[in-house]
Amino acid sequence: MKKLVFDYYDWAEFQRFLDSLPSKDAVKLTKLISKIEIYGLAVAQCQEWTKKLEDNLFEIRSQFGSNIQRAIYFHVSRNQYLITHGFTKKRNKTPESEKKRGRGRRNTYFHERRNDDEQN
């Protein structure tokens, strides 16, 4: 099995999100992303580290104490995944606004990629 690779839609934005978190929360989320890359999605789903939100839109689920962090991602190709953004969750259900943001970035990514393919 090939190792999964997570990349970031906007690394600078995701880094600002991590910087805004208490250090233990940021460390937990980044370590969880690394664990998913190492152990794969089957283990991640069994351990409830990830959850499918809708067609090709998922969340990485991190919690430290009462602080709940999420990172939205989608599948790009083969073993590549793209994290769209992170957020702090305040309720049980993932807010529609966060899904919409992830969906929009996913759609933009594939639209730009399609345009690049057509130009080449």
PDB file of N, CA and C in Angstrom:
ATOM      1  N   MET A   1       0.839  -1.182   0.000  1.00  0.00           N
ATOM      2  CA  MET A   1       0.000   0.000   0.000  1.00  0.00           C
ATOM      3  C   MET A   1       0.884   1.246   0.000  1.00  0.00           C
ATOM      4  N   LYS A   2       0.565   2.173  -0.902  1.00  0.00           N
ATOM      5  CA  LYS A   2       1.322   3.414  -0.972  1.00  0.00           C
ATOM      6  C   LYS A   2       0.907   4.347   0.153  1.00  0.00           C
ATOM      7  N   LYS A   3       1.876   5.088   0.614  1.00  0.00           N
ATOM      8  CA  LYS A   3       1.630   6.067   1.659  1.00  0.00           C
ATOM      9  C   LYS A   3       0.743   7.190   1.118  1.00  0.00           C
ATOM     10  N   LEU A   4      -0.211   7.620   1.919  1.00  0.00           N
ATOM     11  CA  LEU A   4      -1.048   8.756   1.551  1.00  0.00           C
ATOM     12  C   LEU A   4      -0.243  10.039   1.664  1.00  0.00           C
ATOM     13  N   VAL A   5      -0.615  11.006   0.849  1.00  0.00           N
ATOM     14  CA  VAL A   5       0.041  12.307   0.903  1.00  0.00           C
ATOM     15  C   VAL A   5      -1.033  13.380   1.009  1.00  0.00           C
ATOM     16  N   PHE A   6      -0.955  14.173   2.071  1.00  0.00           N
ATOM     17  CA  PHE A   6      -1.835  15.325   2.216  1.00  0.00           C
ATOM     18  C   PHE A   6      -1.064  16.568   1.809  1.00  0.00           C
ATOM     19  N   ASP A   7      -1.699  17.387   0.984  1.00  0.00           N
ATOM     20  CA  ASP A   7      -1.165  18.695   0.641  1.00  0.00           C
ATOM     21  C   ASP A   7      -2.218  19.712   1.080  1.00  0.00           C
ATOM     22  N   TYR A   8      -1.946  20.978   0.879  1.00  0.00           N
ATOM     23  CA  TYR A   8      -2.823  22.028   1.395  1.00  0.00           C
ATOM     24  C   TYR A   8      -3.240  22.970   0.283  1.00  0.00           C
ATOM     25  N   TYR A   9      -4.510  23.312   0.265  1.00  0.00           N
ATOM     26  CA  TYR A   9      -5.043  24.263  -0.705  1.00  0.00           C
ATOM     27  C   TYR A   9      -4.363  25.610  -0.521  1.00  0.00           C
ATOM     28  N   ASP A  10      -4.197  26.018   0.715  1.00  0.00           N
ATOM     29  CA  ASP A  10      -3.539  27.283   1.053  1.00  0.00           C
ATOM     30  C   ASP A  10      -2.764  27.055   2.349  1.00  0.00           C
ATOM     31  N   TRP A  11      -1.487  26.663   2.201  1.00  0.00           N
ATOM     32  CA  TRP A  11      -0.686  26.322   3.373  1.00  0.00           C
ATOM     33  C   TRP A  11      -0.594  27.484   4.352  1.00  0.00           C
ATOM     34  N   ALA A  12      -0.414  28.714   3.853  1.00  0.00           N
ATOM     35  CA  ALA A  12      -0.268  29.875   4.743  1.00  0.00           C
ATOM     36  C   ALA A  12      -1.522  30.049   5.604  1.00  0.00           C
ATOM     37  N   GLU A  13      -2.682  29.865   5.004  1.00  0.00           N
ATOM     38  CA  GLU A  13      -3.931  29.979   5.768  1.00  0.00           C
ATOM     39  C   GLU A  13      -4.028  28.871   6.817  1.00  0.00           C
ATOM     40  N   PHE A  14      -3.680  27.649   6.426  1.00  0.00           N
ATOM     41  CA  PHE A  14      -3.761  26.539   7.373  1.00  0.00           C
ATOM     42  C   PHE A  14      -2.764  26.739   8.511  1.00  0.00           C
ATOM     43  N   GLN A  15      -1.596  27.271   8.194  1.00  0.00           N
ATOM     44  CA  GLN A  15      -0.593  27.554   9.225  1.00  0.00           C
ATOM     45  C   GLN A  15      -1.107  28.611  10.202  1.00  0.00           C
ATOM     46  N   ARG A  16      -1.792  29.635   9.687  1.00  0.00           N
ATOM     47  CA  ARG A  16      -2.382  30.658  10.578  1.00  0.00           C
ATOM     48  C   ARG A  16      -3.432  30.021  11.485  1.00  0.00           C
ATOM     49  N   PHE A  17      -4.223  29.092  10.921  1.00  0.00           N
ATOM     50  CA  PHE A  17      -5.212  28.382  11.732  1.00  0.00           C
ATOM     51  C   PHE A  17      -4.509  27.621  12.856  1.00  0.00           C
ATOM     52  N   LEU A  18      -3.469  26.871  12.520  1.00  0.00           N
ATOM     53  CA  LEU A  18      -2.722  26.124  13.538  1.00  0.00           C
ATOM     54  C   LEU A  18      -2.123  27.061  14.580  1.00  0.00           C
ATOM     55  N   ASP A  19      -1.587  28.189  14.130  1.00  0.00           N
ATOM     56  CA  ASP A  19      -0.986  29.159  15.053  1.00  0.00           C
ATOM     57  C   ASP A  19      -2.009  29.765  16.002  1.00  0.00           C
ATOM     58  N   SER A  20      -3.274  29.801  15.576  1.00  0.00           N
ATOM     59  CA  SER A  20      -4.330  30.378  16.413  1.00  0.00           C
ATOM     60  C   SER A  20      -4.792  29.418  17.513  1.00  0.00           C
ATOM     61  N   LEU A  21      -4.418  28.151  17.395  1.00  0.00           N
ATOM     62  CA  LEU A  21      -4.855  27.132  18.349  1.00  0.00           C
ATOM     63  C   LEU A  21      -3.918  27.076  19.550  1.00  0.00           C
ATOM     64  N   PRO A  22      -4.438  26.591  20.684  1.00  0.00           N
ATOM     65  CA  PRO A  22      -3.518  26.258  21.775  1.00  0.00           C
ATOM     66  C   PRO A  22      -2.503  25.237  21.239  1.00  0.00           C
ATOM     67  N   SER A  23      -1.272  25.319  21.683  1.00  0.00           N
ATOM     68  CA  SER A  23      -0.204  24.494  21.098  1.00  0.00           C
ATOM     69  C   SER A  23      -0.514  23.001  21.136  1.00  0.00           C
ATOM     70  N   LYS A  24      -1.125  22.518  22.212  1.00  0.00           N
ATOM     71  CA  LYS A  24      -1.430  21.081  22.302  1.00  0.00           C
ATOM     72  C   LYS A  24      -2.452  20.661  21.251  1.00  0.00           C
ATOM     73  N   ASP A  25      -3.406  21.545  20.948  1.00  0.00           N
ATOM     74  CA  ASP A  25      -4.405  21.247  19.914  1.00  0.00           C
ATOM     75  C   ASP A  25      -3.753  21.190  18.538  1.00  0.00           C
ATOM     76  N   ALA A  26      -2.865  22.145  18.257  1.00  0.00           N
ATOM     77  CA  ALA A  26      -2.176  22.183  16.965  1.00  0.00           C
ATOM     78  C   ALA A  26      -1.298  20.949  16.785  1.00  0.00           C
ATOM     79  N   VAL A  27      -0.581  20.577  17.827  1.00  0.00           N
ATOM     80  CA  VAL A  27       0.281  19.390  17.765  1.00  0.00           C
ATOM     81  C   VAL A  27      -0.558  18.141  17.523  1.00  0.00           C
ATOM     82  N   LYS A  28      -1.670  18.018  18.225  1.00  0.00           N
ATOM     83  CA  LYS A  28      -2.525  16.839  18.069  1.00  0.00           C
ATOM     84  C   LYS A  28      -3.034  16.731  16.633  1.00  0.00           C
ATOM     85  N   LEU A  29      -3.492  17.846  16.060  1.00  0.00           N
ATOM     86  CA  LEU A  29      -4.012  17.819  14.696  1.00  0.00           C
ATOM     87  C   LEU A  29      -2.914  17.476  13.688  1.00  0.00           C
ATOM     88  N   THR A  30      -1.757  18.077  13.801  1.00  0.00           N
ATOM     89  CA  THR A  30      -0.679  17.784  12.845  1.00  0.00           C
ATOM     90  C   THR A  30      -0.179  16.345  12.988  1.00  0.00           C
ATOM     91  N   LYS A  31      -0.119  15.840  14.205  1.00  0.00           N
ATOM     92  CA  LYS A  31       0.279  14.437  14.400  1.00  0.00           C
ATOM     93  C   LYS A  31      -0.767  13.487  13.830  1.00  0.00           C
ATOM     94  N   LEU A  32      -2.029  13.858  13.962  1.00  0.00           N
ATOM     95  CA  LEU A  32      -3.099  13.024  13.423  1.00  0.00           C
ATOM     96  C   LEU A  32      -3.016  12.963  11.898  1.00  0.00           C
ATOM     97  N   ILE A  33      -2.745  14.086  11.264  1.00  0.00           N
ATOM     98  CA  ILE A  33      -2.575  14.098   9.806  1.00  0.00           C
ATOM     99  C   ILE A  33      -1.431  13.158   9.416  1.00  0.00           C
ATOM    100  N   SER A  34      -0.334  13.218  10.136  1.00  0.00           N
ATOM    101  CA  SER A  34       0.809  12.327   9.865  1.00  0.00           C
ATOM    102  C   SER A  34       0.443  10.860  10.069  1.00  0.00           C
ATOM    103  N   LYS A  35      -0.317  10.558  11.125  1.00  0.00           N
ATOM    104  CA  LYS A  35      -0.728   9.172  11.383  1.00  0.00           C
ATOM    105  C   LYS A  35      -1.603   8.643  10.253  1.00  0.00           C
ATOM    106  N   ILE A  36      -2.486   9.485   9.741  1.00  0.00           N
ATOM    107  CA  ILE A  36      -3.348   9.061   8.636  1.00  0.00           C
ATOM    108  C   ILE A  36      -2.502   8.783   7.397  1.00  0.00           C
ATOM    109  N   GLU A  37      -1.504   9.626   7.141  1.00  0.00           N
ATOM    110  CA  GLU A  37      -0.613   9.397   5.997  1.00  0.00           C
ATOM    111  C   GLU A  37       0.117   8.058   6.142  1.00  0.00           C
ATOM    112  N   ILE A  38       0.516   7.722   7.342  1.00  0.00           N
ATOM    113  CA  ILE A  38       1.275   6.486   7.585  1.00  0.00           C
ATOM    114  C   ILE A  38       0.379   5.249   7.561  1.00  0.00           C
ATOM    115  N   TYR A  39      -0.724   5.276   8.301  1.00  0.00           N
ATOM    116  CA  TYR A  39      -1.554   4.082   8.483  1.00  0.00           C
ATOM    117  C   TYR A  39      -2.655   3.912   7.449  1.00  0.00           C
ATOM    118  N   GLY A  40      -3.017   4.971   6.733  1.00  0.00           N
ATOM    119  CA  GLY A  40      -4.010   4.870   5.681  1.00  0.00           C
ATOM    120  C   GLY A  40      -5.425   5.170   6.138  1.00  0.00           C
ATOM    121  N   LEU A  41      -6.293   5.266   5.147  1.00  0.00           N
ATOM    122  CA  LEU A  41      -7.674   5.664   5.418  1.00  0.00           C
ATOM    123  C   LEU A  41      -8.502   4.571   6.079  1.00  0.00           C
ATOM    124  N   ALA A  42      -8.215   3.314   5.791  1.00  0.00           N
ATOM    125  CA  ALA A  42      -8.987   2.233   6.423  1.00  0.00           C
ATOM    126  C   ALA A  42      -8.825   2.290   7.938  1.00  0.00           C
ATOM    127  N   VAL A  43      -7.599   2.425   8.403  1.00  0.00           N
ATOM    128  CA  VAL A  43      -7.341   2.543   9.846  1.00  0.00           C
ATOM    129  C   VAL A  43      -7.948   3.841  10.373  1.00  0.00           C
ATOM    130  N   ALA A  44      -7.783   4.927   9.609  1.00  0.00           N
ATOM    131  CA  ALA A  44      -8.305   6.231  10.039  1.00  0.00           C
ATOM    132  C   ALA A  44      -9.816   6.185  10.233  1.00  0.00           C
ATOM    133  N   GLN A  45     -10.518   5.502   9.341  1.00  0.00           N
ATOM    134  CA  GLN A  45     -11.969   5.403   9.466  1.00  0.00           C
ATOM    135  C   GLN A  45     -12.362   4.525  10.648  1.00  0.00           C
ATOM    136  N   CYS A  46     -11.660   3.417  10.848  1.00  0.00           N
ATOM    137  CA  CYS A  46     -11.939   2.544  12.001  1.00  0.00           C
ATOM    138  C   CYS A  46     -11.689   3.266  13.320  1.00  0.00           C
ATOM    139  N   GLN A  47     -10.649   4.088  13.359  1.00  0.00           N
ATOM    140  CA  GLN A  47     -10.302   4.828  14.575  1.00  0.00           C
ATOM    141  C   GLN A  47     -11.130   6.110  14.724  1.00  0.00           C
ATOM    142  N   GLU A  48     -11.984   6.379  13.730  1.00  0.00           N
ATOM    143  CA  GLU A  48     -12.806   7.594  13.682  1.00  0.00           C
ATOM    144  C   GLU A  48     -11.950   8.862  13.658  1.00  0.00           C
ATOM    145  N   TRP A  49     -10.795   8.767  12.983  1.00  0.00           N
ATOM    146  CA  TRP A  49      -9.952   9.947  12.766  1.00  0.00           C
ATOM    147  C   TRP A  49     -10.487  10.762  11.601  1.00  0.00           C
ATOM    148  N   THR A  50     -11.261  10.095  10.721  1.00  0.00           N
ATOM    149  CA  THR A  50     -11.841  10.764   9.560  1.00  0.00           C
ATOM    150  C   THR A  50     -13.319  10.421   9.461  1.00  0.00           C
ATOM    151  N   LYS A  51     -14.025  11.255   8.710  1.00  0.00           N
ATOM    152  CA  LYS A  51     -15.450  11.013   8.476  1.00  0.00           C
ATOM    153  C   LYS A  51     -15.804  11.560   7.101  1.00  0.00           C
ATOM    154  N   LYS A  52     -16.607  10.789   6.368  1.00  0.00           N
ATOM    155  CA  LYS A  52     -17.093  11.258   5.070  1.00  0.00           C
ATOM    156  C   LYS A  52     -18.231  12.233   5.315  1.00  0.00           C
ATOM    157  N   LEU A  53     -18.152  13.412   4.694  1.00  0.00           N
ATOM    158  CA  LEU A  53     -19.209  14.412   4.820  1.00  0.00           C
ATOM    159  C   LEU A  53     -20.197  14.310   3.668  1.00  0.00           C
ATOM    160  N   GLU A  54     -19.666  14.084   2.480  1.00  0.00           N
ATOM    161  CA  GLU A  54     -20.470  13.936   1.265  1.00  0.00           C
ATOM    162  C   GLU A  54     -19.546  13.391   0.188  1.00  0.00           C
ATOM    163  N   ASP A  55     -20.020  13.335  -1.041  1.00  0.00           N
ATOM    164  CA  ASP A  55     -19.216  12.793  -2.130  1.00  0.00           C
ATOM    165  C   ASP A  55     -17.902  13.565  -2.267  1.00  0.00           C
ATOM    166  N   ASN A  56     -16.790  12.882  -2.069  1.00  0.00           N
ATOM    167  CA  ASN A  56     -15.430  13.421  -2.157  1.00  0.00           C
ATOM    168  C   ASN A  56     -15.207  14.663  -1.285  1.00  0.00           C
ATOM    169  N   LEU A  57     -15.771  14.651  -0.099  1.00  0.00           N
ATOM    170  CA  LEU A  57     -15.494  15.692   0.892  1.00  0.00           C
ATOM    171  C   LEU A  57     -15.511  15.019   2.266  1.00  0.00           C
ATOM    172  N   PHE A  58     -14.406  15.155   2.980  1.00  0.00           N
ATOM    173  CA  PHE A  58     -14.200  14.443   4.235  1.00  0.00           C
ATOM    174  C   PHE A  58     -13.661  15.401   5.286  1.00  0.00           C
ATOM    175  N   GLU A  59     -13.659  14.935   6.545  1.00  0.00           N
ATOM    176  CA  GLU A  59     -13.045  15.736   7.596  1.00  0.00           C
ATOM    177  C   GLU A  59     -12.104  14.876   8.425  1.00  0.00           C
ATOM    178  N   ILE A  60     -11.001  15.487   8.835  1.00  0.00           N
ATOM    179  CA  ILE A  60     -10.096  14.902   9.817  1.00  0.00           C
ATOM    180  C   ILE A  60     -10.591  15.396  11.161  1.00  0.00           C
ATOM    181  N   ARG A  61     -10.743  14.475  12.115  1.00  0.00           N
ATOM    182  CA  ARG A  61     -11.386  14.777  13.393  1.00  0.00           C
ATOM    183  C   ARG A  61     -10.376  14.712  14.534  1.00  0.00           C
ATOM    184  N   SER A  62     -10.087  15.868  15.107  1.00  0.00           N
ATOM    185  CA  SER A  62      -9.129  15.946  16.202  1.00  0.00           C
ATOM    186  C   SER A  62      -9.804  16.569  17.417  1.00  0.00           C
ATOM    187  N   GLN A  63      -9.516  16.012  18.578  1.00  0.00           N
ATOM    188  CA  GLN A  63     -10.067  16.570  19.815  1.00  0.00           C
ATOM    189  C   GLN A  63      -9.023  16.474  20.913  1.00  0.00           C
ATOM    190  N   PHE A  64      -8.849  17.586  21.617  1.00  0.00           N
ATOM    191  CA  PHE A  64      -7.967  17.620  22.778  1.00  0.00           C
ATOM    192  C   PHE A  64      -8.777  18.237  23.901  1.00  0.00           C
ATOM    193  N   GLY A  65      -9.144  17.429  24.874  1.00  0.00           N
ATOM    194  CA  GLY A  65     -10.033  17.908  25.936  1.00  0.00           C
ATOM    195  C   GLY A  65     -11.379  18.263  25.334  1.00  0.00           C
ATOM    196  N   SER A  66     -11.860  19.459  25.610  1.00  0.00           N
ATOM    197  CA  SER A  66     -13.149  19.886  25.060  1.00  0.00           C
ATOM    198  C   SER A  66     -12.987  20.643  23.746  1.00  0.00           C
ATOM    199  N   ASN A  67     -11.758  20.818  23.281  1.00  0.00           N
ATOM    200  CA  ASN A  67     -11.503  21.532  22.028  1.00  0.00           C
ATOM    201  C   ASN A  67     -11.584  20.563  20.854  1.00  0.00           C
ATOM    202  N   ILE A  68     -12.428  20.895  19.892  1.00  0.00           N
ATOM    203  CA  ILE A  68     -12.651  20.028  18.737  1.00  0.00           C
ATOM    204  C   ILE A  68     -12.176  20.753  17.479  1.00  0.00           C
ATOM    205  N   GLN A  69     -11.196  20.161  16.801  1.00  0.00           N
ATOM    206  CA  GLN A  69     -10.651  20.742  15.572  1.00  0.00           C
ATOM    207  C   GLN A  69     -10.995  19.824  14.403  1.00  0.00           C
ATOM    208  N   ARG A  70     -11.234  20.448  13.263  1.00  0.00           N
ATOM    209  CA  ARG A  70     -11.509  19.701  12.046  1.00  0.00           C
ATOM    210  C   ARG A  70     -10.676  20.269  10.908  1.00  0.00           C
ATOM    211  N   ALA A  71     -10.313  19.404   9.977  1.00  0.00           N
ATOM    212  CA  ALA A  71      -9.655  19.809   8.734  1.00  0.00           C
ATOM    213  C   ALA A  71     -10.419  19.133   7.600  1.00  0.00           C
ATOM    214  N   ILE A  72     -10.946  19.930   6.694  1.00  0.00           N
ATOM    215  CA  ILE A  72     -11.706  19.413   5.558  1.00  0.00           C
ATOM    216  C   ILE A  72     -10.722  19.052   4.441  1.00  0.00           C
ATOM    217  N   TYR A  73     -10.971  17.920   3.779  1.00  0.00           N
ATOM    218  CA  TYR A  73     -10.097  17.502   2.680  1.00  0.00           C
ATOM    219  C   TYR A  73     -10.886  16.761   1.615  1.00  0.00           C
ATOM    220  N   PHE A  74     -10.253  16.603   0.455  1.00  0.00           N
ATOM    221  CA  PHE A  74     -10.850  15.817  -0.632  1.00  0.00           C
ATOM    222  C   PHE A  74      -9.762  15.023  -1.343  1.00  0.00           C
ATOM    223  N   HIS A  75     -10.194  14.022  -2.103  1.00  0.00           N
ATOM    224  CA  HIS A  75      -9.285  13.148  -2.849  1.00  0.00           C
ATOM    225  C   HIS A  75      -8.962  13.799  -4.187  1.00  0.00           C
ATOM    226  N   VAL A  76      -7.681  13.867  -4.506  1.00  0.00           N
ATOM    227  CA  VAL A  76      -7.235  14.462  -5.766  1.00  0.00           C
ATOM    228  C   VAL A  76      -7.011  13.360  -6.799  1.00  0.00           C
ATOM    229  N   SER A  77      -6.097  12.447  -6.520  1.00  0.00           N
ATOM    230  CA  SER A  77      -5.827  11.318  -7.409  1.00  0.00           C
ATOM    231  C   SER A  77      -4.953  10.311  -6.681  1.00  0.00           C
ATOM    232  N   ARG A  78      -5.132   9.051  -7.018  1.00  0.00           N
ATOM    233  CA  ARG A  78      -4.371   7.952  -6.408  1.00  0.00           C
ATOM    234  C   ARG A  78      -4.238   8.123  -4.907  1.00  0.00           C
ATOM    235  N   ASN A  79      -3.029   8.422  -4.438  1.00  0.00           N
ATOM    236  CA  ASN A  79      -2.815   8.526  -2.991  1.00  0.00           C
ATOM    237  C   ASN A  79      -2.696   9.981  -2.529  1.00  0.00           C
ATOM    238  N   GLN A  80      -3.150  10.930  -3.349  1.00  0.00           N
ATOM    239  CA  GLN A  80      -3.033  12.349  -3.014  1.00  0.00           C
ATOM    240  C   GLN A  80      -4.365  12.935  -2.550  1.00  0.00           C
ATOM    241  N   TYR A  81      -4.264  13.715  -1.472  1.00  0.00           N
ATOM    242  CA  TYR A  81      -5.421  14.380  -0.880  1.00  0.00           C
ATOM    243  C   TYR A  81      -5.064  15.831  -0.616  1.00  0.00           C
ATOM    244  N   LEU A  82      -6.076  16.705  -0.644  1.00  0.00           N
ATOM    245  CA  LEU A  82      -5.840  18.130  -0.452  1.00  0.00           C
ATOM    246  C   LEU A  82      -6.697  18.633   0.706  1.00  0.00           C
ATOM    247  N   ILE A  83      -6.042  19.197   1.713  1.00  0.00           N
ATOM    248  CA  ILE A  83      -6.749  19.794   2.848  1.00  0.00           C
ATOM    249  C   ILE A  83      -7.144  21.209   2.453  1.00  0.00           C
ATOM    250  N   THR A  84      -8.436  21.499   2.511  1.00  0.00           N
ATOM    251  CA  THR A  84      -8.923  22.816   2.091  1.00  0.00           C
ATOM    252  C   THR A  84      -8.768  23.863   3.184  1.00  0.00           C
ATOM    253  N   HIS A  85      -9.052  23.482   4.419  1.00  0.00           N
ATOM    254  CA  HIS A  85      -8.968  24.432   5.532  1.00  0.00           C
ATOM    255  C   HIS A  85      -9.232  23.706   6.844  1.00  0.00           C
ATOM    256  N   GLY A  86      -8.988  24.405   7.931  1.00  0.00           N
ATOM    257  CA  GLY A  86      -9.276  23.876   9.257  1.00  0.00           C
ATOM    258  C   GLY A  86     -10.201  24.823   9.996  1.00  0.00           C
ATOM    259  N   PHE A  87     -10.879  24.291  10.996  1.00  0.00           N
ATOM    260  CA  PHE A  87     -11.760  25.124  11.810  1.00  0.00           C
ATOM    261  C   PHE A  87     -11.976  24.471  13.162  1.00  0.00           C
ATOM    262  N   THR A  88     -12.423  25.276  14.109  1.00  0.00           N
ATOM    263  CA  THR A  88     -12.778  24.789  15.434  1.00  0.00           C
ATOM    264  C   THR A  88     -14.269  24.532  15.441  1.00  0.00           C
ATOM    265  N   LYS A  89     -14.630  23.347  15.843  1.00  0.00           N
ATOM    266  CA  LYS A  89     -16.031  22.931  15.840  1.00  0.00           C
ATOM    267  C   LYS A  89     -16.645  23.222  17.194  1.00  0.00           C
ATOM    268  N   LYS A  90     -17.841  23.798  17.164  1.00  0.00           N
ATOM    269  CA  LYS A  90     -18.505  24.172  18.408  1.00  0.00           C
ATOM    270  C   LYS A  90     -19.763  23.343  18.687  1.00  0.00           C
ATOM    271  N   ARG A  91     -20.266  22.658  17.664  1.00  0.00           N
ATOM    272  CA  ARG A  91     -21.480  21.859  17.818  1.00  0.00           C
ATOM    273  C   ARG A  91     -21.219  20.441  17.310  1.00  0.00           C
ATOM    274  N   ASN A  92     -22.191  19.568  17.528  1.00  0.00           N
ATOM    275  CA  ASN A  92     -22.047  18.179  17.089  1.00  0.00           C
ATOM    276  C   ASN A  92     -21.949  18.047  15.578  1.00  0.00           C
ATOM    277  N   LYS A  93     -22.752  18.801  14.863  1.00  0.00           N
ATOM    278  CA  LYS A  93     -22.820  18.679  13.415  1.00  0.00           C
ATOM    279  C   LYS A  93     -21.830  19.644  12.755  1.00  0.00           C
ATOM    280  N   THR A  94     -21.175  19.181  11.683  1.00  0.00           N
ATOM    281  CA  THR A  94     -20.270  20.058  10.937  1.00  0.00           C
ATOM    282  C   THR A  94     -21.099  21.155  10.278  1.00  0.00           C
ATOM    283  N   PRO A  95     -20.756  22.419  10.526  1.00  0.00           N
ATOM    284  CA  PRO A  95     -21.544  23.523   9.962  1.00  0.00           C
ATOM    285  C   PRO A  95     -21.581  23.480   8.435  1.00  0.00           C
ATOM    286  N   GLU A  96     -22.735  23.767   7.882  1.00  0.00           N
ATOM    287  CA  GLU A  96     -22.901  23.792   6.429  1.00  0.00           C
ATOM    288  C   GLU A  96     -21.942  24.795   5.791  1.00  0.00           C
ATOM    289  N   SER A  97     -21.672  25.895   6.483  1.00  0.00           N
ATOM    290  CA  SER A  97     -20.758  26.904   5.929  1.00  0.00           C
ATOM    291  C   SER A  97     -19.356  26.331   5.719  1.00  0.00           C
ATOM    292  N   GLU A  98     -18.921  25.446   6.602  1.00  0.00           N
ATOM    293  CA  GLU A  98     -17.598  24.827   6.456  1.00  0.00           C
ATOM    294  C   GLU A  98     -17.594  23.817   5.311  1.00  0.00           C
ATOM    295  N   LYS A  99     -18.695  23.076   5.170  1.00  0.00           N
ATOM    296  CA  LYS A  99     -18.803  22.148   4.036  1.00  0.00           C
ATOM    297  C   LYS A  99     -18.817  22.926   2.721  1.00  0.00           C
ATOM    298  N   LYS A 100     -19.553  24.034   2.712  1.00  0.00           N
ATOM    299  CA  LYS A 100     -19.648  24.862   1.509  1.00  0.00           C
ATOM    300  C   LYS A 100     -18.275  25.413   1.126  1.00  0.00           C
ATOM    301  N   ARG A 101     -17.517  25.842   2.109  1.00  0.00           N
ATOM    302  CA  ARG A 101     -16.165  26.358   1.859  1.00  0.00           C
ATOM    303  C   ARG A 101     -15.267  25.265   1.264  1.00  0.00           C
ATOM    304  N   GLY A 102     -15.318  24.072   1.841  1.00  0.00           N
ATOM    305  CA  GLY A 102     -14.541  22.952   1.316  1.00  0.00           C
ATOM    306  C   GLY A 102     -14.977  22.558  -0.079  1.00  0.00           C
ATOM    307  N   ARG A 103     -16.286  22.517  -0.290  1.00  0.00           N
ATOM    308  CA  ARG A 103     -16.851  22.174  -1.591  1.00  0.00           C
ATOM    309  C   ARG A 103     -16.411  23.194  -2.646  1.00  0.00           C
ATOM    310  N   GLY A 104     -16.466  24.462  -2.287  1.00  0.00           N
ATOM    311  CA  GLY A 104     -16.066  25.520  -3.215  1.00  0.00           C
ATOM    312  C   GLY A 104     -14.603  25.403  -3.606  1.00  0.00           C
ATOM    313  N   ARG A 105     -13.749  25.140  -2.638  1.00  0.00           N
ATOM    314  CA  ARG A 105     -12.318  25.001  -2.922  1.00  0.00           C
ATOM    315  C   ARG A 105     -12.040  23.745  -3.741  1.00  0.00           C
ATOM    316  N   ARG A 106     -12.764  22.674  -3.445  1.00  0.00           N
ATOM    317  CA  ARG A 106     -12.609  21.442  -4.239  1.00  0.00           C
ATOM    318  C   ARG A 106     -12.998  21.712  -5.694  1.00  0.00           C
ATOM    319  N   ASN A 107     -14.148  22.359  -5.888  1.00  0.00           N
ATOM    320  CA  ASN A 107     -14.624  22.634  -7.240  1.00  0.00           C
ATOM    321  C   ASN A 107     -13.671  23.567  -7.984  1.00  0.00           C
ATOM    322  N   THR A 108     -13.165  24.590  -7.301  1.00  0.00           N
ATOM    323  CA  THR A 108     -12.198  25.512  -7.909  1.00  0.00           C
ATOM    324  C   THR A 108     -10.935  24.768  -8.314  1.00  0.00           C
ATOM    325  N   TYR A 109     -10.454  23.910  -7.436  1.00  0.00           N
ATOM    326  CA  TYR A 109      -9.235  23.140  -7.719  1.00  0.00           C
ATOM    327  C   TYR A 109      -9.405  22.316  -8.996  1.00  0.00           C
ATOM    328  N   PHE A 110     -10.496  21.564  -9.086  1.00  0.00           N
ATOM    329  CA  PHE A 110     -10.692  20.704 -10.254  1.00  0.00           C
ATOM    330  C   PHE A 110     -10.969  21.521 -11.515  1.00  0.00           C
ATOM    331  N   HIS A 111     -11.646  22.654 -11.379  1.00  0.00           N
ATOM    332  CA  HIS A 111     -11.900  23.532 -12.526  1.00  0.00           C
ATOM    333  C   HIS A 111     -10.577  24.081 -13.065  1.00  0.00           C
ATOM    334  N   GLU A 112      -9.712  24.564 -12.167  1.00  0.00           N
ATOM    335  CA  GLU A 112      -8.411  25.097 -12.589  1.00  0.00           C
ATOM    336  C   GLU A 112      -7.536  24.000 -13.191  1.00  0.00           C
ATOM    337  N   ARG A 113      -7.602  22.832 -12.619  1.00  0.00           N
ATOM    338  CA  ARG A 113      -6.811  21.712 -13.134  1.00  0.00           C
ATOM    339  C   ARG A 113      -7.282  21.308 -14.530  1.00  0.00           C
ATOM    340  N   ARG A 114      -8.603  21.308 -14.725  1.00  0.00           N
ATOM    341  CA  ARG A 114      -9.175  20.973 -16.033  1.00  0.00           C
ATOM    342  C   ARG A 114      -8.727  22.009 -17.074  1.00  0.00           C
ATOM    343  N   ASN A 115      -8.751  23.298 -16.678  1.00  0.00           N
ATOM    344  CA  ASN A 115      -8.308  24.355 -17.594  1.00  0.00           C
ATOM    345  C   ASN A 115      -6.832  24.205 -17.941  1.00  0.00           C
ATOM    346  N   ASP A 116      -6.007  23.851 -16.950  1.00  0.00           N
ATOM    347  CA  ASP A 116      -4.578  23.630 -17.199  1.00  0.00           C
ATOM    348  C   ASP A 116      -4.370  22.477 -18.171  1.00  0.00           C
ATOM    349  N   ASP A 117      -5.149  21.398 -17.996  1.00  0.00           N
ATOM    350  CA  ASP A 117      -5.028  20.236 -18.879  1.00  0.00           C
ATOM    351  C   ASP A 117      -5.420  20.600 -20.313  1.00  0.00           C
ATOM    352  N   GLU A 118      -6.451  21.438 -20.466  1.00  0.00           N
ATOM    353  CA  GLU A 118      -6.912  21.839 -21.793  1.00  0.00           C
ATOM    354  C   GLU A 118      -5.896  22.732 -22.493  1.00  0.00           C
ATOM    355  N   GLN A 119      -5.148  23.529 -21.723  1.00  0.00           N
ATOM    356  CA  GLN A 119      -4.158  24.429 -22.310  1.00  0.00           C
ATOM    357  C   GLN A 119      -2.886  23.692 -22.702  1.00  0.00           C
ATOM    358  N   ASN A 120      -2.644  22.540 -22.111  1.00  0.00           N
ATOM    359  CA  ASN A 120      -1.413  21.780 -22.418  1.00  0.00           C
ATOM    360  C   ASN A 120      -1.631  20.780 -23.488  1.00  0.00           C
TER     361      ASN A 120
END
